[in-house]
Amino acid sequence: MAYKPQYYPGNTSVAENRRKHMSNNVEKLRDISDEDLTAILGHRAPGSDYPSTHPPLAEMGEPECSVREVVEPTPGAKAGDRIRYSQFSDSMYNAPSTPYWRSYHAAINFRGVDPGTLSGRQVNEMRERDMEAYTKRQAETEMTDWGLSGLRGCTVHGHSLRLQEDGTMFDMLDRRRLEGDSIVMDKDQVGVPIDRKVNLGKPMSEAEAAKRTTFYRVDNVAFRSDAEVVEHVQTVWERRTRYGFKPQA
C-alpha cells in the first residue's frame, strides 16, 4: 500500500491551501521567462554562464564514498554552481503564502536547500540553477500574488502592515508597482534598476486572495474556527513543553 503523507490537519480553506503548498500541488497562474527571472533576481546577467565555485563533480576525481553513491547531486551541485539566494516577503493582508509555508515548500520538494524563516520574510540559499528552478516554481504559481508578495533581497521593512492606495503591498525601494491592470518590476530584488519592465501579471482580487491564502485571520478564516488545527497545535505545544522539561514519568 502506497504511503500518502498527511502534511497538515484541518478542514478549512486555509488548511487545504497549506497542504497544497507543502505538497507542491499548486496551480500555475502565469509564465515568467528564464531571462526575466534572472533579471529580477540580479545575481548574473541574463543569458550568461553560471559562475562556479569548483569544477563539475565528474572532473574532480573524488574518493569513493558510499553516501555519494546513494545521493544523486542536484544539477547545480553537479555543475559546481556558486551558492545564491532569493527572498520573498508576504503581506499579512491575505497573501497566498507565509514565510513558514515557503520554507516548508522548499524543504519538502527541493534538495540542497537552506531555508530561513523570519517574521516577515523567507530566504532560501541554494546552488544557483537549483535556486532559480525553486524561485520560478513559487513565482509562477498560486503561492505568489505579486500584488501582495514581493521578491526582496533587502529593505523588506514596512511591507507587512501597509498596503498602498492601489491595494498593492508597500515597498520602500519601489521595486514593483501596479501599471494598468498588471504588476511590473523594473528593479532586481535588491533594488538595482534593470533594463526592462518585467510583467508579473495581474494581482488577485481581494476575494481571490482570501480564497487562496494560508493566513488565518479573524476577518476571513479564523484560526479557532478549525478545531482540528487547534487540537494539533495544542498537542504539539504540550508535548514539546513536557519533553523540554524532561519529565520523569
C-alpha atoms as a PDB file:
ATOM      1  CA  MET A   1       0.000   0.000   0.000  1.00  0.00           C
ATOM      2  CA  ALA A   2       1.431   3.363  -1.032  1.00  0.00           C
ATOM      3  CA  TYR A   3       2.009   5.825   1.775  1.00  0.00           C
ATOM      4  CA  LYS A   4       0.126   9.085   1.414  1.00  0.00           C
ATOM      5  CA  PRO A   5       1.668  11.805   3.598  1.00  0.00           C
ATOM      6  CA  GLN A   6      -0.607  13.896   5.752  1.00  0.00           C
ATOM      7  CA  TYR A   7       1.034  17.294   5.695  1.00  0.00           C
ATOM      8  CA  TYR A   8      -1.333  19.356   7.795  1.00  0.00           C
ATOM      9  CA  PRO A   9      -4.624  18.923   9.675  1.00  0.00           C
ATOM     10  CA  GLY A  10      -7.792  20.930   9.321  1.00  0.00           C
ATOM     11  CA  ASN A  11     -10.982  21.284   7.313  1.00  0.00           C
ATOM     12  CA  THR A  12     -10.902  24.966   6.323  1.00  0.00           C
ATOM     13  CA  SER A  13      -9.731  26.548   3.075  1.00  0.00           C
ATOM     14  CA  VAL A  14      -6.599  27.811   4.860  1.00  0.00           C
ATOM     15  CA  ALA A  15      -5.710  24.290   6.000  1.00  0.00           C
ATOM     16  CA  GLU A  16      -6.264  22.944   2.488  1.00  0.00           C
ATOM     17  CA  ASN A  17      -4.084  25.685   0.999  1.00  0.00           C
ATOM     18  CA  ARG A  18      -1.332  24.881   3.489  1.00  0.00           C
ATOM     19  CA  ARG A  19      -1.445  21.226   2.430  1.00  0.00           C
ATOM     20  CA  LYS A  20      -1.254  22.258  -1.220  1.00  0.00           C
ATOM     21  CA  HIS A  21       1.836  24.387  -0.620  1.00  0.00           C
ATOM     22  CA  MET A  22       3.601  21.702   1.374  1.00  0.00           C
ATOM     23  CA  SER A  23       2.894  19.006  -1.245  1.00  0.00           C
ATOM     24  CA  ASN A  24       3.707  21.267  -4.236  1.00  0.00           C
ATOM     25  CA  ASN A  25       0.194  20.668  -5.556  1.00  0.00           C
ATOM     26  CA  VAL A  26      -0.166  24.305  -6.596  1.00  0.00           C
ATOM     27  CA  GLU A  27      -1.834  25.850  -9.617  1.00  0.00           C
ATOM     28  CA  LYS A  28       0.279  27.654 -12.217  1.00  0.00           C
ATOM     29  CA  LEU A  29      -1.155  31.122 -12.840  1.00  0.00           C
ATOM     30  CA  ARG A  30       1.430  32.893 -15.011  1.00  0.00           C
ATOM     31  CA  ASP A  31       4.562  32.482 -17.115  1.00  0.00           C
ATOM     32  CA  ILE A  32       7.818  34.236 -16.268  1.00  0.00           C
ATOM     33  CA  SER A  33      10.636  33.685 -18.756  1.00  0.00           C
ATOM     34  CA  ASP A  34      14.052  32.495 -17.609  1.00  0.00           C
ATOM     35  CA  GLU A  35      15.541  35.789 -18.804  1.00  0.00           C
ATOM     36  CA  ASP A  36      13.053  37.859 -16.815  1.00  0.00           C
ATOM     37  CA  LEU A  37      13.534  35.708 -13.722  1.00  0.00           C
ATOM     38  CA  THR A  38      17.318  36.094 -13.941  1.00  0.00           C
ATOM     39  CA  ALA A  39      16.919  39.853 -14.342  1.00  0.00           C
ATOM     40  CA  ILE A  40      14.792  40.341 -11.230  1.00  0.00           C
ATOM     41  CA  LEU A  41      16.992  38.046  -9.129  1.00  0.00           C
ATOM     42  CA  GLY A  42      20.027  40.103 -10.116  1.00  0.00           C
ATOM     43  CA  HIS A  43      22.761  37.530  -9.490  1.00  0.00           C
ATOM     44  CA  ARG A  44      24.080  37.371 -13.068  1.00  0.00           C
ATOM     45  CA  ALA A  45      23.362  38.857 -16.479  1.00  0.00           C
ATOM     46  CA  PRO A  46      20.523  37.106 -18.351  1.00  0.00           C
ATOM     47  CA  GLY A  47      21.950  34.616 -20.821  1.00  0.00           C
ATOM     48  CA  SER A  48      25.375  34.452 -19.174  1.00  0.00           C
ATOM     49  CA  ASP A  49      27.006  31.257 -17.927  1.00  0.00           C
ATOM     50  CA  TYR A  50      26.599  30.185 -14.335  1.00  0.00           C
ATOM     51  CA  PRO A  51      29.713  31.157 -12.342  1.00  0.00           C
ATOM     52  CA  SER A  52      31.140  28.223 -10.415  1.00  0.00           C
ATOM     53  CA  THR A  53      32.976  27.659  -7.164  1.00  0.00           C
ATOM     54  CA  HIS A  54      34.520  24.323  -8.138  1.00  0.00           C
ATOM     55  CA  PRO A  55      34.854  22.149 -11.264  1.00  0.00           C
ATOM     56  CA  PRO A  56      31.997  19.825 -12.226  1.00  0.00           C
ATOM     57  CA  LEU A  57      31.864  16.826  -9.913  1.00  0.00           C
ATOM     58  CA  ALA A  58      32.620  14.484 -12.819  1.00  0.00           C
ATOM     59  CA  GLU A  59      36.010  16.183 -13.257  1.00  0.00           C
ATOM     60  CA  MET A  60      37.040  16.312  -9.602  1.00  0.00           C
ATOM     61  CA  GLY A  61      38.036  12.704  -9.073  1.00  0.00           C
ATOM     62  CA  GLU A  62      36.524  12.469  -5.596  1.00  0.00           C
ATOM     63  CA  PRO A  63      37.395   9.466  -3.418  1.00  0.00           C
ATOM     64  CA  GLU A  64      34.925   6.615  -3.109  1.00  0.00           C
ATOM     65  CA  CYS A  65      32.070   7.345  -0.711  1.00  0.00           C
ATOM     66  CA  SER A  66      29.014   5.170  -0.117  1.00  0.00           C
ATOM     67  CA  VAL A  67      26.862   8.225   0.665  1.00  0.00           C
ATOM     68  CA  ARG A  68      27.834   9.947  -2.587  1.00  0.00           C
ATOM     69  CA  GLU A  69      26.959   6.806  -4.480  1.00  0.00           C
ATOM     70  CA  VAL A  70      23.464   6.782  -2.967  1.00  0.00           C
ATOM     71  CA  VAL A  71      22.659  10.520  -3.135  1.00  0.00           C
ATOM     72  CA  GLU A  72      22.296  11.961  -6.630  1.00  0.00           C
ATOM     73  CA  PRO A  73      23.712  15.515  -6.691  1.00  0.00           C
ATOM     74  CA  THR A  74      21.426  18.332  -7.739  1.00  0.00           C
ATOM     75  CA  PRO A  75      22.094  19.869 -11.173  1.00  0.00           C
ATOM     76  CA  GLY A  76      23.689  22.887  -9.505  1.00  0.00           C
ATOM     77  CA  ALA A  77      25.961  20.801  -7.278  1.00  0.00           C
ATOM     78  CA  LYS A  78      26.865  18.572 -10.202  1.00  0.00           C
ATOM     79  CA  ALA A  79      27.959  21.613 -12.233  1.00  0.00           C
ATOM     80  CA  GLY A  80      29.772  23.326  -9.355  1.00  0.00           C
ATOM     81  CA  ASP A  81      27.495  26.379  -9.155  1.00  0.00           C
ATOM     82  CA  ARG A  82      28.070  29.008  -6.500  1.00  0.00           C
ATOM     83  CA  ILE A  83      25.512  29.487  -3.702  1.00  0.00           C
ATOM     84  CA  ARG A  84      22.933  32.241  -4.259  1.00  0.00           C
ATOM     85  CA  TYR A  85      19.619  33.194  -2.687  1.00  0.00           C
ATOM     86  CA  SER A  86      16.149  34.518  -3.300  1.00  0.00           C
ATOM     87  CA  GLN A  87      13.977  36.145  -0.646  1.00  0.00           C
ATOM     88  CA  PHE A  88      10.215  36.657  -0.644  1.00  0.00           C
ATOM     89  CA  SER A  89       8.102  38.837   1.592  1.00  0.00           C
ATOM     90  CA  ASP A  90       4.354  38.400   2.006  1.00  0.00           C
ATOM     91  CA  SER A  91       1.698  40.811   3.188  1.00  0.00           C
ATOM     92  CA  MET A  92      -0.449  39.990   6.196  1.00  0.00           C
ATOM     93  CA  TYR A  93      -3.474  41.054   4.129  1.00  0.00           C
ATOM     94  CA  ASN A  94      -4.264  37.554   2.841  1.00  0.00           C
ATOM     95  CA  ALA A  95      -1.157  36.994   0.734  1.00  0.00           C
ATOM     96  CA  PRO A  96      -1.280  33.426  -0.617  1.00  0.00           C
ATOM     97  CA  SER A  97       1.803  32.231   1.256  1.00  0.00           C
ATOM     98  CA  THR A  98       3.563  32.889   4.546  1.00  0.00           C
ATOM     99  CA  PRO A  99       7.281  32.710   5.353  1.00  0.00           C
ATOM    100  CA  TYR A 100       6.955  29.325   7.087  1.00  0.00           C
ATOM    101  CA  TRP A 101       4.990  27.807   4.230  1.00  0.00           C
ATOM    102  CA  ARG A 102       7.545  28.953   1.670  1.00  0.00           C
ATOM    103  CA  SER A 103      10.181  27.185   3.777  1.00  0.00           C
ATOM    104  CA  TYR A 104       8.092  24.017   4.055  1.00  0.00           C
ATOM    105  CA  HIS A 105       7.511  24.019   0.294  1.00  0.00           C
ATOM    106  CA  ALA A 106      11.220  24.393  -0.437  1.00  0.00           C
ATOM    107  CA  ALA A 107      12.486  21.900   2.141  1.00  0.00           C
ATOM    108  CA  ILE A 108       9.963  19.187   1.260  1.00  0.00           C
ATOM    109  CA  ASN A 109      10.051  19.489  -2.524  1.00  0.00           C
ATOM    110  CA  PHE A 110      13.593  20.639  -3.381  1.00  0.00           C
ATOM    111  CA  ARG A 111      17.031  19.319  -2.451  1.00  0.00           C
ATOM    112  CA  GLY A 112      20.179  21.139  -1.392  1.00  0.00           C
ATOM    113  CA  VAL A 113      18.174  23.999   0.091  1.00  0.00           C
ATOM    114  CA  ASP A 114      18.953  26.073   3.183  1.00  0.00           C
ATOM    115  CA  PRO A 115      15.678  27.821   4.109  1.00  0.00           C
ATOM    116  CA  GLY A 116      15.490  30.690   6.557  1.00  0.00           C
ATOM    117  CA  THR A 117      12.222  31.934   8.048  1.00  0.00           C
ATOM    118  CA  LEU A 118      11.873  35.319   9.700  1.00  0.00           C
ATOM    119  CA  SER A 119       8.813  37.218  10.890  1.00  0.00           C
ATOM    120  CA  GLY A 120       8.057  38.835   7.556  1.00  0.00           C
ATOM    121  CA  ARG A 121      10.378  37.307   5.005  1.00  0.00           C
ATOM    122  CA  GLN A 122      11.652  33.961   3.795  1.00  0.00           C
ATOM    123  CA  VAL A 123      15.066  33.321   2.223  1.00  0.00           C
ATOM    124  CA  ASN A 124      16.430  30.212   0.521  1.00  0.00           C
ATOM    125  CA  GLU A 125      20.083  29.647  -0.283  1.00  0.00           C
ATOM    126  CA  MET A 126      20.856  27.045  -2.934  1.00  0.00           C
ATOM    127  CA  ARG A 127      23.162  26.314  -5.831  1.00  0.00           C
ATOM    128  CA  GLU A 128      22.322  28.967  -8.393  1.00  0.00           C
ATOM    129  CA  ARG A 129      20.490  26.972 -11.060  1.00  0.00           C
ATOM    130  CA  ASP A 130      18.642  24.983  -8.377  1.00  0.00           C
ATOM    131  CA  MET A 131      17.632  28.237  -6.694  1.00  0.00           C
ATOM    132  CA  GLU A 132      16.280  29.593  -9.975  1.00  0.00           C
ATOM    133  CA  ALA A 133      14.148  26.470 -10.503  1.00  0.00           C
ATOM    134  CA  TYR A 134      12.715  26.762  -6.994  1.00  0.00           C
ATOM    135  CA  THR A 135      12.083  30.508  -7.334  1.00  0.00           C
ATOM    136  CA  LYS A 136      10.382  30.048 -10.700  1.00  0.00           C
ATOM    137  CA  ARG A 137       8.033  27.478  -9.184  1.00  0.00           C
ATOM    138  CA  GLN A 138       6.944  29.810  -6.401  1.00  0.00           C
ATOM    139  CA  ALA A 139       6.840  32.894  -8.652  1.00  0.00           C
ATOM    140  CA  GLU A 140       4.610  31.366 -11.337  1.00  0.00           C
ATOM    141  CA  THR A 141       2.053  29.619  -9.145  1.00  0.00           C
ATOM    142  CA  GLU A 142      -0.719  30.440  -6.712  1.00  0.00           C
ATOM    143  CA  MET A 143       1.887  30.608  -3.949  1.00  0.00           C
ATOM    144  CA  THR A 144       2.573  34.186  -5.048  1.00  0.00           C
ATOM    145  CA  ASP A 145       0.282  37.124  -5.702  1.00  0.00           C
ATOM    146  CA  TRP A 146       2.635  39.839  -6.914  1.00  0.00           C
ATOM    147  CA  GLY A 147       0.264  42.469  -5.587  1.00  0.00           C
ATOM    148  CA  LEU A 148       0.599  41.105  -2.043  1.00  0.00           C
ATOM    149  CA  SER A 149       4.031  39.471  -2.293  1.00  0.00           C
ATOM    150  CA  GLY A 150       7.447  40.694  -3.323  1.00  0.00           C
ATOM    151  CA  LEU A 151      10.909  39.432  -4.212  1.00  0.00           C
ATOM    152  CA  ARG A 152      13.109  41.461  -1.858  1.00  0.00           C
ATOM    153  CA  GLY A 153      16.720  40.704  -1.121  1.00  0.00           C
ATOM    154  CA  CYS A 154      16.992  43.680   1.212  1.00  0.00           C
ATOM    155  CA  THR A 155      14.947  46.511   2.740  1.00  0.00           C
ATOM    156  CA  VAL A 156      11.870  44.423   3.475  1.00  0.00           C
ATOM    157  CA  HIS A 157      10.673  46.789   6.188  1.00  0.00           C
ATOM    158  CA  GLY A 158       7.146  48.147   6.261  1.00  0.00           C
ATOM    159  CA  HIS A 159       5.724  45.537   3.903  1.00  0.00           C
ATOM    160  CA  SER A 160       3.590  43.656   6.369  1.00  0.00           C
ATOM    161  CA  LEU A 161       1.233  46.243   7.806  1.00  0.00           C
ATOM    162  CA  ARG A 162       0.833  48.601   4.870  1.00  0.00           C
ATOM    163  CA  LEU A 163      -0.947  48.477   1.548  1.00  0.00           C
ATOM    164  CA  GLN A 164      -0.666  51.314  -0.910  1.00  0.00           C
ATOM    165  CA  GLU A 165      -3.728  53.200  -2.123  1.00  0.00           C
ATOM    166  CA  ASP A 166      -4.000  50.866  -5.123  1.00  0.00           C
ATOM    167  CA  GLY A 167      -4.043  47.801  -2.853  1.00  0.00           C
ATOM    168  CA  THR A 168      -0.510  46.569  -3.560  1.00  0.00           C
ATOM    169  CA  MET A 169       1.967  45.823  -0.793  1.00  0.00           C
ATOM    170  CA  PHE A 170       4.197  48.735   0.200  1.00  0.00           C
ATOM    171  CA  ASP A 171       7.842  48.579  -0.898  1.00  0.00           C
ATOM    172  CA  MET A 172      10.294  51.183   0.388  1.00  0.00           C
ATOM    173  CA  LEU A 173      12.537  50.683  -2.685  1.00  0.00           C
ATOM    174  CA  ASP A 174       9.625  50.695  -5.163  1.00  0.00           C
ATOM    175  CA  ARG A 175      10.857  47.552  -6.909  1.00  0.00           C
ATOM    176  CA  ARG A 176       7.481  46.748  -8.394  1.00  0.00           C
ATOM    177  CA  ARG A 177       4.240  48.599  -8.942  1.00  0.00           C
ATOM    178  CA  LEU A 178       0.782  48.356 -10.481  1.00  0.00           C
ATOM    179  CA  GLU A 179       0.690  49.704 -14.046  1.00  0.00           C
ATOM    180  CA  GLY A 180      -2.712  49.396 -15.693  1.00  0.00           C
ATOM    181  CA  ASP A 181      -4.018  46.018 -14.571  1.00  0.00           C
ATOM    182  CA  SER A 182      -0.626  44.306 -14.160  1.00  0.00           C
ATOM    183  CA  ILE A 183       2.245  44.310 -11.678  1.00  0.00           C
ATOM    184  CA  VAL A 184       5.596  45.219 -13.242  1.00  0.00           C
ATOM    185  CA  MET A 185       9.070  45.042 -11.713  1.00  0.00           C
ATOM    186  CA  ASP A 186      11.860  47.295 -13.015  1.00  0.00           C
ATOM    187  CA  LYS A 187      14.465  46.729 -10.292  1.00  0.00           C
ATOM    188  CA  ASP A 188      16.058  43.498  -9.138  1.00  0.00           C
ATOM    189  CA  GLN A 189      15.453  42.045  -5.690  1.00  0.00           C
ATOM    190  CA  VAL A 190      17.997  44.353  -4.020  1.00  0.00           C
ATOM    191  CA  GLY A 191      16.682  47.468  -5.771  1.00  0.00           C
ATOM    192  CA  VAL A 192      19.181  47.824  -8.632  1.00  0.00           C
ATOM    193  CA  PRO A 193      17.445  49.109 -11.803  1.00  0.00           C
ATOM    194  CA  ILE A 194      17.231  46.618 -14.677  1.00  0.00           C
ATOM    195  CA  ASP A 195      16.980  47.338 -18.393  1.00  0.00           C
ATOM    196  CA  ARG A 196      13.363  46.264 -18.811  1.00  0.00           C
ATOM    197  CA  LYS A 197       9.983  46.142 -17.148  1.00  0.00           C
ATOM    198  CA  VAL A 198       9.180  42.572 -16.197  1.00  0.00           C
ATOM    199  CA  ASN A 199       5.435  41.904 -16.362  1.00  0.00           C
ATOM    200  CA  LEU A 200       4.413  39.733 -13.408  1.00  0.00           C
ATOM    201  CA  GLY A 201       0.741  39.517 -14.322  1.00  0.00           C
ATOM    202  CA  LYS A 202      -2.467  40.683 -12.738  1.00  0.00           C
ATOM    203  CA  PRO A 203      -2.805  40.877  -8.957  1.00  0.00           C
ATOM    204  CA  MET A 204      -5.523  38.827  -7.295  1.00  0.00           C
ATOM    205  CA  SER A 205      -8.777  40.426  -6.284  1.00  0.00           C
ATOM    206  CA  GLU A 206      -9.473  40.660  -2.560  1.00  0.00           C
ATOM    207  CA  ALA A 207     -11.935  37.775  -2.833  1.00  0.00           C
ATOM    208  CA  GLU A 208      -9.458  35.594  -4.738  1.00  0.00           C
ATOM    209  CA  ALA A 209      -6.674  36.316  -2.261  1.00  0.00           C
ATOM    210  CA  ALA A 210      -8.966  35.458   0.648  1.00  0.00           C
ATOM    211  CA  LYS A 211      -9.774  32.132  -1.027  1.00  0.00           C
ATOM    212  CA  ARG A 212      -6.138  31.169  -1.708  1.00  0.00           C
ATOM    213  CA  THR A 213      -4.407  32.483   1.425  1.00  0.00           C
ATOM    214  CA  THR A 214      -2.560  30.401   4.015  1.00  0.00           C
ATOM    215  CA  PHE A 215      -3.099  33.098   6.681  1.00  0.00           C
ATOM    216  CA  TYR A 216      -5.617  32.594   9.448  1.00  0.00           C
ATOM    217  CA  ARG A 217      -7.385  35.916  10.097  1.00  0.00           C
ATOM    218  CA  VAL A 218     -10.401  36.761  12.227  1.00  0.00           C
ATOM    219  CA  ASP A 219     -11.860  38.694   9.280  1.00  0.00           C
ATOM    220  CA  ASN A 220     -11.548  35.731   6.887  1.00  0.00           C
ATOM    221  CA  VAL A 221     -10.928  32.218   8.253  1.00  0.00           C
ATOM    222  CA  ALA A 222     -10.283  32.421  11.984  1.00  0.00           C
ATOM    223  CA  PHE A 223      -7.713  30.067  13.492  1.00  0.00           C
ATOM    224  CA  ARG A 224     -10.106  28.988  16.252  1.00  0.00           C
ATOM    225  CA  SER A 225     -12.756  28.048  13.692  1.00  0.00           C
ATOM    226  CA  ASP A 226     -10.730  24.953  12.756  1.00  0.00           C
ATOM    227  CA  ALA A 227     -10.977  22.647  15.775  1.00  0.00           C
ATOM    228  CA  GLU A 228      -8.649  20.016  14.318  1.00  0.00           C
ATOM    229  CA  VAL A 229      -5.863  22.564  13.798  1.00  0.00           C
ATOM    230  CA  VAL A 230      -6.315  23.980  17.297  1.00  0.00           C
ATOM    231  CA  GLU A 231      -6.105  20.475  18.776  1.00  0.00           C
ATOM    232  CA  HIS A 232      -2.982  19.709  16.719  1.00  0.00           C
ATOM    233  CA  VAL A 233      -1.201  22.918  17.749  1.00  0.00           C
ATOM    234  CA  GLN A 234      -2.076  22.403  21.400  1.00  0.00           C
ATOM    235  CA  THR A 235      -0.835  18.798  21.252  1.00  0.00           C
ATOM    236  CA  VAL A 236       2.479  19.852  19.694  1.00  0.00           C
ATOM    237  CA  TRP A 237       2.894  22.618  22.277  1.00  0.00           C
ATOM    238  CA  GLU A 238       2.123  20.305  25.193  1.00  0.00           C
ATOM    239  CA  ARG A 239       4.476  17.543  24.047  1.00  0.00           C
ATOM    240  CA  ARG A 240       7.315  19.928  23.253  1.00  0.00           C
ATOM    241  CA  THR A 241       6.894  21.514  26.682  1.00  0.00           C
ATOM    242  CA  ARG A 242       6.773  18.178  28.523  1.00  0.00           C
ATOM    243  CA  TYR A 243       9.798  16.743  26.731  1.00  0.00           C
ATOM    244  CA  GLY A 244      11.601  20.066  27.035  1.00  0.00           C
ATOM    245  CA  PHE A 245      11.366  19.741  30.800  1.00  0.00           C
ATOM    246  CA  LYS A 246      12.344  16.051  30.584  1.00  0.00           C
ATOM    247  CA  PRO A 247       9.570  14.618  32.738  1.00  0.00           C
ATOM    248  CA  GLN A 248      10.481  11.532  34.711  1.00  0.00           C
ATOM    249  CA  ALA A 249       7.118   9.868  34.169  1.00  0.00           C
END
